């Protein structure tokens, strides 16, 4: 839905142009540093074809056919986009999806039509790797909130800002933002308790482990119910499910799927091969975890070389969500004009603009441009080269880029000039503001008036 507007020939950051620059800079090592199937073809048709292939393979995987092979193919397809998709595909959930898909290669059976009553009994080592991923994801997210030195987390005031300043809130966030400060402080304590304590209960006896899983799932449900974070919350909940053994579920749900007791797991990977691979995964992923706990930790040179060699795969990651809480909400409004006197605003589909537009649910879809506009507002346009490319596409009237927006105020011909202004947005307070969801202050200039010629220079 977005691939041509973001990465196509007339998109904001064309893949073909990016790969040409990479090839010029890295020469023969370019394909190793940027592992993508787009080296074969970077045309719009090929990009769309990769997306279609991903959708088809996802359906095949969901239907239970060739799950291990499908997971590997899907990992390669998604990596192909993430490797060339900066800055629109470099979020932590993109890395989490890649890492989960790679572990699924070892977790899932490799037969074409698995006998699920038998093969659902996975090997203990592959299950532990998924538990390790969930532990790192949650524990590191708690640690970075403290190690970052951010005062809002330490003073338990972070949630007084979060619901208002998060990239794409839902209308429910408006109501939660109205809660008394002591309730928001109590919720902050609960976040720390879940992220810093529950991960250590993952290997505990089953009842304690179940409680930890339910606490982690509850946190994700609350985040999902008040903000648009793409597929992150759903994927994290999926990672919690292996903590719940069969006995956790009601008998009527699991009766027909109960595995045959006499039969053990089908081992898709021989232990002599899988054990060293698992050891590499644990060592490489432990490095960012230890780094979050101890600044300046030193590792043997062999470990750092291994980490660098695996880095292009984007599948051995460190995590740390909301390390520093944003306390203001600058919002960029892009405007066009035919005469540089009368200006009309472009409306985005999901990010705040019109103060009377209700913030709505869009997850698990992620409008990549809307998200990146939030990050762009936290710095200046000189630090966001893609932003000038975006303005240039508006001046050209690129249909692919305009399709990413809600409303184009220049349907007949592109504007001669564009500019960007920034407002400070706040939620309205309960009983104030009438039908408005937002209030905003006076505009400040974010990007000066430019023409197409200036944008291309």
Foldseek 3Di string as FASTA:
>chain_A
DQCCQDAAPLHLNHLVVVLVVLCVVPPPCSCLLQPAPCVVPRHPVVLVVLVVVLVVLVVLCVVPFQVLVSLVSNLRSLSNCLSRPPPLQPDPVSLVSSQVSVLSNQFAAGHGHDPLLAAVQGDPLSLVLLLVSLLQALQQQLLLLVLVVAVCLVVLNQLLAPLWAPLFWALVSLVVNQDDRVVSSVVSVLSNCLSNPLSVQLPPPLVSNVVNLVSLLVVLVVCLVTGADACRSVVSNVSSVSSHDPVNDDCVVCVVSNHDVVHHHDRRDDCVPVVVVSVLLCLLLVVVVVCSVDPPDDDPPVSVVSNVSCVSSSNRDGYHPCSYRDRWFKAKWKWFAQPVPDIDTFAADAGDDPQLDGHHYDHNDDLSVSSVRRVCRVDACVVPLSVLSLVLSQLVVPPSNSVRGDDDPCVPHGHQKMFMKIWTKGADHPPDDPSGRIDTDDIDGRGDIDGNVVSVD
